[in-house]
Amino acid sequence: MKDKLEQRFRELEGQFDIEEPKLGHFDRFEVKLARQTTKQPKWNPNTWKWLAIAASIALLFTLGLGNYSTKQGLELADVSPKMEETQSFFVSTIQQEIENINLKRNADNQQIIDDAFKQLNKLEENYKKLTVELDDSDKDKRIIYAMIANFQQRIEILQSLLQQLDEIQQLKNNINDEKII
């Protein structure tokens, strides 16, 4: 290794920069450095006040959103025993339909299923908002009806999706049958 280093130095002999800086270079450098360190940004005492106010507003805003998003509403099951049965029926039906859809999931129908599930997620978000409104409104019947309608819409979307998946499968089978013949 030492030999390689010595050999490299011999190869580069005469190519090194051996010039020294002009006289006074270090003094000029120190002056520039001193000027740079003496210039400090001006901090206005009022700036801290504005920063504190902005931080307080941001904190209050965050806490307000946190309380809103974590607020739990009333489910249909909390209204009455009959509504508990209704909610149980809808939830089990929706779960069963989702299981049926997942059994039929493949690469050909992935996009259709994803689109339908996006619609379901939007309806789920709306349902969560309805639970909060139900709690705030002291069990208003209009909100209860809206919650039931939300469940029905979800089931309709799932049933429509299942029908589309069946139609796609039938078309694929027909095309395959025609290729065989």
N, C-alpha and C. Protein backbone atom coordinates (compact mmCIF):
# COMPACT_ATOMS: atom_id res chain seq x y z
N MET A 1 0.82 -1.18 0.00
CA MET A 1 0.00 0.00 0.00
C MET A 1 0.86 1.25 0.00
N LYS A 2 1.93 1.22 0.81
CA LYS A 2 2.83 2.36 0.90
C LYS A 2 3.50 2.59 -0.45
N ASP A 3 3.84 1.51 -1.10
CA ASP A 3 4.48 1.60 -2.41
C ASP A 3 3.54 2.25 -3.43
N LYS A 4 2.27 1.91 -3.38
CA LYS A 4 1.30 2.47 -4.30
C LYS A 4 1.14 3.97 -4.09
N LEU A 5 1.17 4.38 -2.83
CA LEU A 5 1.03 5.80 -2.51
C LEU A 5 2.25 6.58 -3.01
N GLU A 6 3.42 6.03 -2.78
CA GLU A 6 4.64 6.70 -3.26
C GLU A 6 4.66 6.76 -4.78
N GLN A 7 4.20 5.69 -5.41
CA GLN A 7 4.15 5.66 -6.87
C GLN A 7 3.19 6.72 -7.39
N ARG A 8 2.07 6.88 -6.73
CA ARG A 8 1.08 7.89 -7.15
C ARG A 8 1.66 9.30 -7.03
N PHE A 9 2.39 9.57 -5.94
CA PHE A 9 3.02 10.88 -5.76
C PHE A 9 4.04 11.14 -6.88
N ARG A 10 4.78 10.13 -7.26
CA ARG A 10 5.76 10.30 -8.33
C ARG A 10 5.06 10.62 -9.65
N GLU A 11 3.92 9.96 -9.89
CA GLU A 11 3.17 10.22 -11.12
C GLU A 11 2.63 11.65 -11.18
N LEU A 12 2.23 12.18 -10.03
CA LEU A 12 1.63 13.50 -9.98
C LEU A 12 2.64 14.61 -9.71
N GLU A 13 3.91 14.28 -9.69
CA GLU A 13 4.95 15.26 -9.37
C GLU A 13 4.90 16.42 -10.37
N GLY A 14 4.93 17.64 -9.84
CA GLY A 14 4.89 18.83 -10.65
C GLY A 14 3.47 19.31 -10.95
N GLN A 15 2.48 18.56 -10.55
CA GLN A 15 1.10 18.94 -10.83
C GLN A 15 0.39 19.53 -9.61
N PHE A 16 1.04 19.54 -8.46
CA PHE A 16 0.42 20.05 -7.25
C PHE A 16 0.41 21.57 -7.25
N ASP A 17 -0.62 22.16 -6.63
CA ASP A 17 -0.74 23.61 -6.49
C ASP A 17 0.05 24.01 -5.25
N ILE A 18 1.15 24.68 -5.45
CA ILE A 18 2.01 25.02 -4.31
C ILE A 18 2.06 26.52 -4.07
N GLU A 19 1.20 27.28 -4.75
CA GLU A 19 1.21 28.72 -4.59
C GLU A 19 0.58 29.10 -3.26
N GLU A 20 1.06 30.22 -2.70
CA GLU A 20 0.54 30.72 -1.44
C GLU A 20 -0.36 31.91 -1.73
N PRO A 21 -1.32 32.19 -0.83
CA PRO A 21 -2.20 33.34 -1.04
C PRO A 21 -1.40 34.65 -0.95
N LYS A 22 -1.97 35.70 -1.55
CA LYS A 22 -1.32 37.01 -1.55
C LYS A 22 -1.18 37.54 -0.14
N LEU A 23 -0.29 38.46 0.03
CA LEU A 23 -0.04 39.07 1.32
C LEU A 23 -1.30 39.78 1.83
N GLY A 24 -1.69 39.55 3.07
CA GLY A 24 -2.86 40.18 3.67
C GLY A 24 -4.15 39.38 3.49
N HIS A 25 -4.03 38.22 2.89
CA HIS A 25 -5.22 37.39 2.65
C HIS A 25 -5.93 37.03 3.97
N PHE A 26 -5.18 36.60 4.92
CA PHE A 26 -5.77 36.17 6.19
C PHE A 26 -6.42 37.35 6.92
N ASP A 27 -5.81 38.53 6.82
CA ASP A 27 -6.39 39.72 7.46
C ASP A 27 -7.72 40.08 6.81
N ARG A 28 -7.76 40.06 5.47
CA ARG A 28 -9.01 40.36 4.77
C ARG A 28 -10.09 39.34 5.13
N PHE A 29 -9.69 38.09 5.25
CA PHE A 29 -10.63 37.04 5.60
C PHE A 29 -11.21 37.26 7.00
N GLU A 30 -10.37 37.63 7.96
CA GLU A 30 -10.82 37.89 9.31
C GLU A 30 -11.78 39.08 9.37
N VAL A 31 -11.52 40.12 8.57
CA VAL A 31 -12.41 41.29 8.53
C VAL A 31 -13.78 40.87 8.00
N LYS A 32 -13.80 40.11 6.92
CA LYS A 32 -15.08 39.65 6.36
C LYS A 32 -15.83 38.78 7.37
N LEU A 33 -15.11 37.94 8.05
CA LEU A 33 -15.72 37.08 9.05
C LEU A 33 -16.29 37.89 10.20
N ALA A 34 -15.59 38.90 10.64
CA ALA A 34 -16.06 39.76 11.73
C ALA A 34 -17.32 40.51 11.32
N ARG A 35 -17.37 41.00 10.07
CA ARG A 35 -18.56 41.70 9.59
C ARG A 35 -19.77 40.78 9.57
N GLN A 36 -19.53 39.56 9.19
CA GLN A 36 -20.62 38.61 9.08
C GLN A 36 -21.19 38.25 10.45
N THR A 37 -20.36 38.11 11.45
CA THR A 37 -20.84 37.73 12.77
C THR A 37 -21.46 38.89 13.52
N THR A 38 -21.11 40.14 13.18
CA THR A 38 -21.70 41.27 13.88
C THR A 38 -23.10 41.58 13.36
N LYS A 39 -23.41 41.17 12.14
CA LYS A 39 -24.75 41.40 11.61
C LYS A 39 -25.66 40.30 12.13
N GLN A 40 -26.50 40.65 13.06
CA GLN A 40 -27.46 39.72 13.60
C GLN A 40 -28.85 40.19 13.18
N PRO A 41 -29.71 39.24 12.88
CA PRO A 41 -31.06 39.65 12.47
C PRO A 41 -31.76 40.36 13.63
N LYS A 42 -32.52 41.37 13.26
CA LYS A 42 -33.24 42.13 14.29
C LYS A 42 -34.50 41.36 14.67
N TRP A 43 -34.62 41.11 15.92
CA TRP A 43 -35.81 40.46 16.46
C TRP A 43 -36.61 41.52 17.16
N ASN A 44 -37.75 41.75 16.66
CA ASN A 44 -38.64 42.72 17.27
C ASN A 44 -39.33 42.03 18.45
N PRO A 45 -39.39 42.65 19.61
CA PRO A 45 -40.06 42.00 20.75
C PRO A 45 -41.51 41.65 20.44
N ASN A 46 -42.13 42.40 19.54
CA ASN A 46 -43.52 42.10 19.18
C ASN A 46 -43.65 40.82 18.36
N THR A 47 -42.56 40.41 17.73
CA THR A 47 -42.59 39.18 16.94
C THR A 47 -42.93 37.99 17.81
N TRP A 48 -42.35 37.95 19.01
CA TRP A 48 -42.64 36.85 19.92
C TRP A 48 -44.12 36.83 20.30
N LYS A 49 -44.69 38.00 20.47
CA LYS A 49 -46.12 38.06 20.82
C LYS A 49 -46.96 37.46 19.70
N TRP A 50 -46.64 37.84 18.44
CA TRP A 50 -47.40 37.31 17.32
C TRP A 50 -47.22 35.81 17.17
N LEU A 51 -46.01 35.33 17.40
CA LEU A 51 -45.78 33.89 17.33
C LEU A 51 -46.57 33.16 18.41
N ALA A 52 -46.62 33.73 19.60
CA ALA A 52 -47.37 33.11 20.70
C ALA A 52 -48.86 33.08 20.38
N ILE A 53 -49.36 34.18 19.81
CA ILE A 53 -50.79 34.22 19.45
C ILE A 53 -51.09 33.18 18.37
N ALA A 54 -50.24 33.10 17.34
CA ALA A 54 -50.45 32.14 16.27
C ALA A 54 -50.41 30.70 16.80
N ALA A 55 -49.48 30.43 17.70
CA ALA A 55 -49.38 29.09 18.27
C ALA A 55 -50.61 28.76 19.11
N SER A 56 -51.11 29.75 19.84
CA SER A 56 -52.32 29.52 20.65
C SER A 56 -53.52 29.23 19.78
N ILE A 57 -53.66 29.97 18.69
CA ILE A 57 -54.78 29.75 17.78
C ILE A 57 -54.69 28.37 17.15
N ALA A 58 -53.49 28.00 16.74
CA ALA A 58 -53.30 26.68 16.14
C ALA A 58 -53.63 25.58 17.15
N LEU A 59 -53.23 25.76 18.39
CA LEU A 59 -53.51 24.77 19.42
C LEU A 59 -55.01 24.65 19.66
N LEU A 60 -55.70 25.78 19.76
CA LEU A 60 -57.15 25.75 19.98
C LEU A 60 -57.87 25.09 18.80
N PHE A 61 -57.42 25.41 17.60
CA PHE A 61 -58.03 24.83 16.41
C PHE A 61 -57.84 23.31 16.40
N THR A 62 -56.64 22.86 16.74
CA THR A 62 -56.35 21.43 16.78
C THR A 62 -57.18 20.73 17.85
N LEU A 63 -57.28 21.33 19.00
CA LEU A 63 -58.08 20.73 20.07
C LEU A 63 -59.56 20.68 19.69
N GLY A 64 -60.02 21.72 19.03
CA GLY A 64 -61.42 21.75 18.59
C GLY A 64 -61.71 20.65 17.59
N LEU A 65 -60.82 20.44 16.63
CA LEU A 65 -61.00 19.37 15.66
C LEU A 65 -60.89 18.01 16.33
N GLY A 66 -59.99 17.90 17.28
CA GLY A 66 -59.83 16.64 17.99
C GLY A 66 -61.08 16.26 18.75
N ASN A 67 -61.71 17.22 19.39
CA ASN A 67 -62.94 16.93 20.12
C ASN A 67 -64.06 16.56 19.18
N TYR A 68 -64.12 17.21 18.03
CA TYR A 68 -65.20 16.91 17.09
C TYR A 68 -65.03 15.51 16.50
N SER A 69 -63.78 15.18 16.11
CA SER A 69 -63.57 13.91 15.45
C SER A 69 -63.65 12.72 16.42
N THR A 70 -63.40 12.94 17.70
CA THR A 70 -63.46 11.84 18.65
C THR A 70 -64.82 11.73 19.33
N LYS A 71 -65.71 12.64 19.00
CA LYS A 71 -67.02 12.60 19.64
C LYS A 71 -67.78 11.37 19.16
N GLN A 72 -68.25 10.58 20.09
CA GLN A 72 -69.00 9.38 19.77
C GLN A 72 -70.49 9.71 19.75
N GLY A 73 -71.15 9.22 18.75
CA GLY A 73 -72.58 9.46 18.63
C GLY A 73 -73.37 8.26 19.11
N LEU A 74 -74.66 8.33 18.87
CA LEU A 74 -75.56 7.23 19.23
C LEU A 74 -75.76 6.33 18.02
N GLU A 75 -75.66 5.06 18.22
CA GLU A 75 -75.96 4.09 17.18
C GLU A 75 -77.47 3.81 17.22
N LEU A 76 -77.96 3.18 16.18
CA LEU A 76 -79.37 2.79 16.18
C LEU A 76 -79.68 1.88 17.36
N ALA A 77 -78.73 1.03 17.69
CA ALA A 77 -78.93 0.08 18.79
C ALA A 77 -79.14 0.78 20.12
N ASP A 78 -78.70 2.03 20.24
CA ASP A 78 -78.85 2.76 21.49
C ASP A 78 -80.24 3.39 21.63
N VAL A 79 -81.01 3.39 20.56
CA VAL A 79 -82.32 4.05 20.57
C VAL A 79 -83.37 3.17 21.22
N SER A 80 -83.46 1.93 20.76
CA SER A 80 -84.47 1.01 21.30
C SER A 80 -84.08 -0.42 20.95
N PRO A 81 -84.71 -1.42 21.58
CA PRO A 81 -84.41 -2.81 21.25
C PRO A 81 -84.75 -3.15 19.79
N LYS A 82 -85.83 -2.57 19.27
CA LYS A 82 -86.18 -2.83 17.87
C LYS A 82 -85.13 -2.26 16.92
N MET A 83 -84.63 -1.09 17.26
CA MET A 83 -83.58 -0.49 16.42
C MET A 83 -82.29 -1.29 16.54
N GLU A 84 -82.06 -1.90 17.69
CA GLU A 84 -80.89 -2.76 17.85
C GLU A 84 -81.00 -3.96 16.91
N GLU A 85 -82.21 -4.55 16.82
CA GLU A 85 -82.43 -5.65 15.88
C GLU A 85 -82.21 -5.20 14.44
N THR A 86 -82.73 -4.02 14.13
CA THR A 86 -82.60 -3.47 12.78
C THR A 86 -81.13 -3.28 12.43
N GLN A 87 -80.38 -2.67 13.33
CA GLN A 87 -78.96 -2.44 13.08
C GLN A 87 -78.23 -3.77 12.93
N SER A 88 -78.54 -4.71 13.78
CA SER A 88 -77.89 -6.02 13.73
C SER A 88 -78.16 -6.69 12.38
N PHE A 89 -79.40 -6.61 11.90
CA PHE A 89 -79.75 -7.19 10.61
C PHE A 89 -78.94 -6.55 9.49
N PHE A 90 -78.91 -5.21 9.47
CA PHE A 90 -78.20 -4.51 8.40
C PHE A 90 -76.70 -4.82 8.44
N VAL A 91 -76.12 -4.79 9.62
CA VAL A 91 -74.68 -5.03 9.73
C VAL A 91 -74.33 -6.44 9.29
N SER A 92 -75.11 -7.43 9.71
CA SER A 92 -74.80 -8.81 9.31
C SER A 92 -75.01 -9.01 7.81
N THR A 93 -76.04 -8.38 7.25
CA THR A 93 -76.27 -8.48 5.80
C THR A 93 -75.12 -7.86 5.03
N ILE A 94 -74.68 -6.70 5.46
CA ILE A 94 -73.56 -6.02 4.79
C ILE A 94 -72.30 -6.87 4.88
N GLN A 95 -72.02 -7.44 6.05
CA GLN A 95 -70.83 -8.28 6.20
C GLN A 95 -70.90 -9.50 5.29
N GLN A 96 -72.08 -10.10 5.19
CA GLN A 96 -72.25 -11.28 4.34
C GLN A 96 -72.03 -10.92 2.87
N GLU A 97 -72.56 -9.80 2.44
CA GLU A 97 -72.39 -9.36 1.05
C GLU A 97 -70.91 -9.07 0.76
N ILE A 98 -70.23 -8.45 1.69
CA ILE A 98 -68.80 -8.16 1.50
C ILE A 98 -68.01 -9.46 1.40
N GLU A 99 -68.34 -10.45 2.20
CA GLU A 99 -67.66 -11.74 2.12
C GLU A 99 -67.90 -12.38 0.75
N ASN A 100 -69.13 -12.30 0.25
CA ASN A 100 -69.44 -12.85 -1.08
C ASN A 100 -68.64 -12.14 -2.17
N ILE A 101 -68.52 -10.84 -2.04
CA ILE A 101 -67.76 -10.06 -3.02
C ILE A 101 -66.29 -10.44 -2.97
N ASN A 102 -65.75 -10.57 -1.77
CA ASN A 102 -64.33 -10.91 -1.64
C ASN A 102 -64.02 -12.29 -2.21
N LEU A 103 -64.99 -13.19 -2.19
CA LEU A 103 -64.79 -14.50 -2.79
C LEU A 103 -64.70 -14.41 -4.31
N LYS A 104 -65.35 -13.42 -4.89
CA LYS A 104 -65.36 -13.25 -6.34
C LYS A 104 -64.28 -12.30 -6.83
N ARG A 105 -63.51 -11.76 -5.94
CA ARG A 105 -62.48 -10.77 -6.30
C ARG A 105 -61.37 -11.43 -7.11
N ASN A 106 -61.01 -10.78 -8.23
CA ASN A 106 -59.86 -11.21 -9.03
C ASN A 106 -59.30 -9.99 -9.75
N ALA A 107 -58.28 -10.20 -10.54
CA ALA A 107 -57.61 -9.08 -11.21
C ALA A 107 -58.51 -8.37 -12.21
N ASP A 108 -59.44 -9.12 -12.81
CA ASP A 108 -60.32 -8.52 -13.82
C ASP A 108 -61.35 -7.57 -13.23
N ASN A 109 -61.80 -7.85 -12.02
CA ASN A 109 -62.87 -7.02 -11.44
C ASN A 109 -62.39 -6.16 -10.27
N GLN A 110 -61.11 -6.10 -10.07
CA GLN A 110 -60.54 -5.36 -8.93
C GLN A 110 -60.98 -3.90 -8.92
N GLN A 111 -60.93 -3.24 -10.09
CA GLN A 111 -61.26 -1.81 -10.17
C GLN A 111 -62.73 -1.55 -9.81
N ILE A 112 -63.61 -2.39 -10.28
CA ILE A 112 -65.04 -2.22 -9.99
C ILE A 112 -65.28 -2.37 -8.49
N ILE A 113 -64.64 -3.35 -7.90
CA ILE A 113 -64.82 -3.58 -6.46
C ILE A 113 -64.25 -2.42 -5.66
N ASP A 114 -63.08 -1.94 -6.05
CA ASP A 114 -62.48 -0.81 -5.33
C ASP A 114 -63.36 0.43 -5.40
N ASP A 115 -63.96 0.69 -6.58
CA ASP A 115 -64.85 1.85 -6.73
C ASP A 115 -66.08 1.71 -5.83
N ALA A 116 -66.64 0.52 -5.78
CA ALA A 116 -67.81 0.30 -4.94
C ALA A 116 -67.45 0.47 -3.46
N PHE A 117 -66.26 0.00 -3.07
CA PHE A 117 -65.86 0.13 -1.67
C PHE A 117 -65.59 1.58 -1.31
N LYS A 118 -65.16 2.39 -2.28
CA LYS A 118 -64.99 3.82 -2.02
C LYS A 118 -66.35 4.46 -1.71
N GLN A 119 -67.36 4.05 -2.47
CA GLN A 119 -68.72 4.56 -2.20
C GLN A 119 -69.18 4.12 -0.81
N LEU A 120 -68.88 2.88 -0.46
CA LEU A 120 -69.25 2.38 0.88
C LEU A 120 -68.56 3.18 1.98
N ASN A 121 -67.30 3.52 1.77
CA ASN A 121 -66.57 4.30 2.77
C ASN A 121 -67.19 5.68 2.94
N LYS A 122 -67.63 6.29 1.85
CA LYS A 122 -68.29 7.59 1.96
C LYS A 122 -69.59 7.47 2.75
N LEU A 123 -70.35 6.40 2.47
CA LEU A 123 -71.58 6.20 3.23
C LEU A 123 -71.29 5.92 4.70
N GLU A 124 -70.21 5.22 4.98
CA GLU A 124 -69.82 4.96 6.37
C GLU A 124 -69.47 6.25 7.09
N GLU A 125 -68.75 7.15 6.40
CA GLU A 125 -68.42 8.45 6.99
C GLU A 125 -69.70 9.25 7.27
N ASN A 126 -70.62 9.21 6.32
CA ASN A 126 -71.90 9.91 6.52
C ASN A 126 -72.66 9.32 7.71
N TYR A 127 -72.60 8.00 7.85
CA TYR A 127 -73.27 7.35 8.96
C TYR A 127 -72.69 7.80 10.30
N LYS A 128 -71.37 7.92 10.36
CA LYS A 128 -70.73 8.39 11.60
C LYS A 128 -71.20 9.80 11.95
N LYS A 129 -71.33 10.64 10.94
CA LYS A 129 -71.84 11.99 11.18
C LYS A 129 -73.28 11.94 11.68
N LEU A 130 -74.06 11.02 11.12
CA LEU A 130 -75.45 10.87 11.56
C LEU A 130 -75.53 10.41 13.02
N THR A 131 -74.59 9.57 13.45
CA THR A 131 -74.63 9.12 14.85
C THR A 131 -74.39 10.29 15.79
N VAL A 132 -73.50 11.20 15.39
CA VAL A 132 -73.25 12.39 16.22
C VAL A 132 -74.49 13.29 16.23
N GLU A 133 -75.09 13.46 15.04
CA GLU A 133 -76.31 14.29 14.97
C GLU A 133 -77.45 13.68 15.77
N LEU A 134 -77.54 12.36 15.77
CA LEU A 134 -78.59 11.69 16.54
C LEU A 134 -78.41 11.96 18.03
N ASP A 135 -77.19 11.93 18.46
CA ASP A 135 -76.89 12.21 19.87
C ASP A 135 -77.22 13.66 20.21
N ASP A 136 -76.88 14.57 19.32
CA ASP A 136 -77.12 15.99 19.56
C ASP A 136 -78.61 16.35 19.48
N SER A 137 -79.36 15.61 18.67
CA SER A 137 -80.76 15.99 18.42
C SER A 137 -81.76 15.30 19.35
N ASP A 138 -81.26 14.57 20.28
CA ASP A 138 -82.15 13.86 21.22
C ASP A 138 -83.03 12.85 20.48
N LYS A 139 -82.39 12.02 19.66
CA LYS A 139 -83.03 10.88 18.97
C LYS A 139 -84.14 11.32 18.01
N ASP A 140 -83.85 12.28 17.18
CA ASP A 140 -84.79 12.76 16.17
C ASP A 140 -85.08 11.64 15.17
N LYS A 141 -86.37 11.42 14.90
CA LYS A 141 -86.78 10.32 14.00
C LYS A 141 -86.26 10.51 12.58
N ARG A 142 -86.15 11.74 12.15
CA ARG A 142 -85.66 11.99 10.79
C ARG A 142 -84.23 11.48 10.64
N ILE A 143 -83.46 11.63 11.67
CA ILE A 143 -82.07 11.15 11.62
C ILE A 143 -82.05 9.63 11.68
N ILE A 144 -82.94 9.04 12.45
CA ILE A 144 -83.04 7.58 12.50
C ILE A 144 -83.39 7.04 11.12
N TYR A 145 -84.34 7.69 10.44
CA TYR A 145 -84.71 7.26 9.09
C TYR A 145 -83.53 7.43 8.12
N ALA A 146 -82.77 8.49 8.29
CA ALA A 146 -81.60 8.72 7.43
C ALA A 146 -80.55 7.63 7.68
N MET A 147 -80.41 7.20 8.93
CA MET A 147 -79.45 6.14 9.24
C MET A 147 -79.88 4.82 8.60
N ILE A 148 -81.17 4.54 8.67
CA ILE A 148 -81.69 3.31 8.05
C ILE A 148 -81.50 3.38 6.53
N ALA A 149 -81.79 4.53 5.96
CA ALA A 149 -81.61 4.71 4.51
C ALA A 149 -80.14 4.53 4.13
N ASN A 150 -79.24 4.97 4.98
CA ASN A 150 -77.81 4.81 4.73
C ASN A 150 -77.45 3.33 4.67
N PHE A 151 -77.97 2.55 5.62
CA PHE A 151 -77.73 1.10 5.59
C PHE A 151 -78.30 0.50 4.31
N GLN A 152 -79.50 0.91 3.93
CA GLN A 152 -80.13 0.37 2.73
C GLN A 152 -79.33 0.71 1.48
N GLN A 153 -78.78 1.92 1.42
CA GLN A 153 -77.96 2.31 0.27
C GLN A 153 -76.72 1.45 0.18
N ARG A 154 -76.12 1.17 1.32
CA ARG A 154 -74.93 0.32 1.31
C ARG A 154 -75.25 -1.08 0.79
N ILE A 155 -76.38 -1.62 1.24
CA ILE A 155 -76.77 -2.95 0.78
C ILE A 155 -77.07 -2.93 -0.71
N GLU A 156 -77.74 -1.88 -1.18
CA GLU A 156 -78.04 -1.77 -2.61
C GLU A 156 -76.76 -1.72 -3.44
N ILE A 157 -75.76 -0.98 -2.98
CA ILE A 157 -74.49 -0.89 -3.69
C ILE A 157 -73.84 -2.27 -3.75
N LEU A 158 -73.86 -2.98 -2.63
CA LEU A 158 -73.23 -4.30 -2.60
C LEU A 158 -73.97 -5.29 -3.50
N GLN A 159 -75.30 -5.26 -3.47
CA GLN A 159 -76.07 -6.16 -4.32
C GLN A 159 -75.87 -5.83 -5.80
N SER A 160 -75.82 -4.56 -6.12
CA SER A 160 -75.56 -4.16 -7.50
C SER A 160 -74.17 -4.62 -7.93
N LEU A 161 -73.22 -4.49 -7.06
CA LEU A 161 -71.86 -4.94 -7.35
C LEU A 161 -71.83 -6.44 -7.59
N LEU A 162 -72.50 -7.20 -6.74
CA LEU A 162 -72.56 -8.65 -6.93
C LEU A 162 -73.18 -9.00 -8.27
N GLN A 163 -74.23 -8.29 -8.65
CA GLN A 163 -74.88 -8.53 -9.93
C GLN A 163 -73.91 -8.23 -11.08
N GLN A 164 -73.17 -7.13 -10.98
CA GLN A 164 -72.19 -6.79 -12.01
C GLN A 164 -71.09 -7.85 -12.10
N LEU A 165 -70.66 -8.33 -10.95
CA LEU A 165 -69.62 -9.36 -10.94
C LEU A 165 -70.12 -10.65 -11.60
N ASP A 166 -71.37 -11.00 -11.33
CA ASP A 166 -71.95 -12.19 -11.96
C ASP A 166 -72.05 -12.01 -13.48
N GLU A 167 -72.46 -10.83 -13.93
CA GLU A 167 -72.55 -10.56 -15.36
C GLU A 167 -71.19 -10.62 -16.02
N ILE A 168 -70.19 -10.08 -15.38
CA ILE A 168 -68.83 -10.13 -15.92
C ILE A 168 -68.38 -11.59 -16.04
N GLN A 169 -68.66 -12.37 -15.02
CA GLN A 169 -68.25 -13.78 -15.04
C GLN A 169 -68.98 -14.52 -16.15
N GLN A 170 -70.27 -14.24 -16.36
CA GLN A 170 -71.02 -14.89 -17.43
C GLN A 170 -70.46 -14.51 -18.80
N LEU A 171 -70.11 -13.24 -18.97
CA LEU A 171 -69.52 -12.81 -20.24
C LEU A 171 -68.20 -13.52 -20.50
N LYS A 172 -67.39 -13.65 -19.47
CA LYS A 172 -66.11 -14.34 -19.62
C LYS A 172 -66.33 -15.80 -19.97
N ASN A 173 -67.32 -16.43 -19.34
CA ASN A 173 -67.63 -17.83 -19.63
C ASN A 173 -68.11 -17.99 -21.07
N ASN A 174 -68.98 -17.06 -21.54
CA ASN A 174 -69.48 -17.12 -22.91
C ASN A 174 -68.34 -16.95 -23.92
N ILE A 175 -67.43 -16.03 -23.63
CA ILE A 175 -66.30 -15.82 -24.53
C ILE A 175 -65.41 -17.05 -24.55
N ASN A 176 -65.19 -17.66 -23.42
CA ASN A 176 -64.38 -18.88 -23.36
C ASN A 176 -65.06 -20.03 -24.09
N ASP A 177 -66.38 -20.14 -23.95
CA ASP A 177 -67.12 -21.19 -24.64
C ASP A 177 -67.04 -21.01 -26.14
N GLU A 178 -67.11 -19.77 -26.61
CA GLU A 178 -67.03 -19.49 -28.06
C GLU A 178 -65.65 -19.83 -28.59
N LYS A 179 -64.63 -19.61 -27.80
CA LYS A 179 -63.26 -19.92 -28.24
C LYS A 179 -63.06 -21.43 -28.37
N ILE A 180 -63.72 -22.18 -27.51
CA ILE A 180 -63.58 -23.64 -27.53
C ILE A 180 -64.26 -24.20 -28.78
N ILE A 181 -65.41 -23.64 -29.13
CA ILE A 181 -66.17 -24.16 -30.27
C ILE A 181 -65.49 -23.73 -31.52
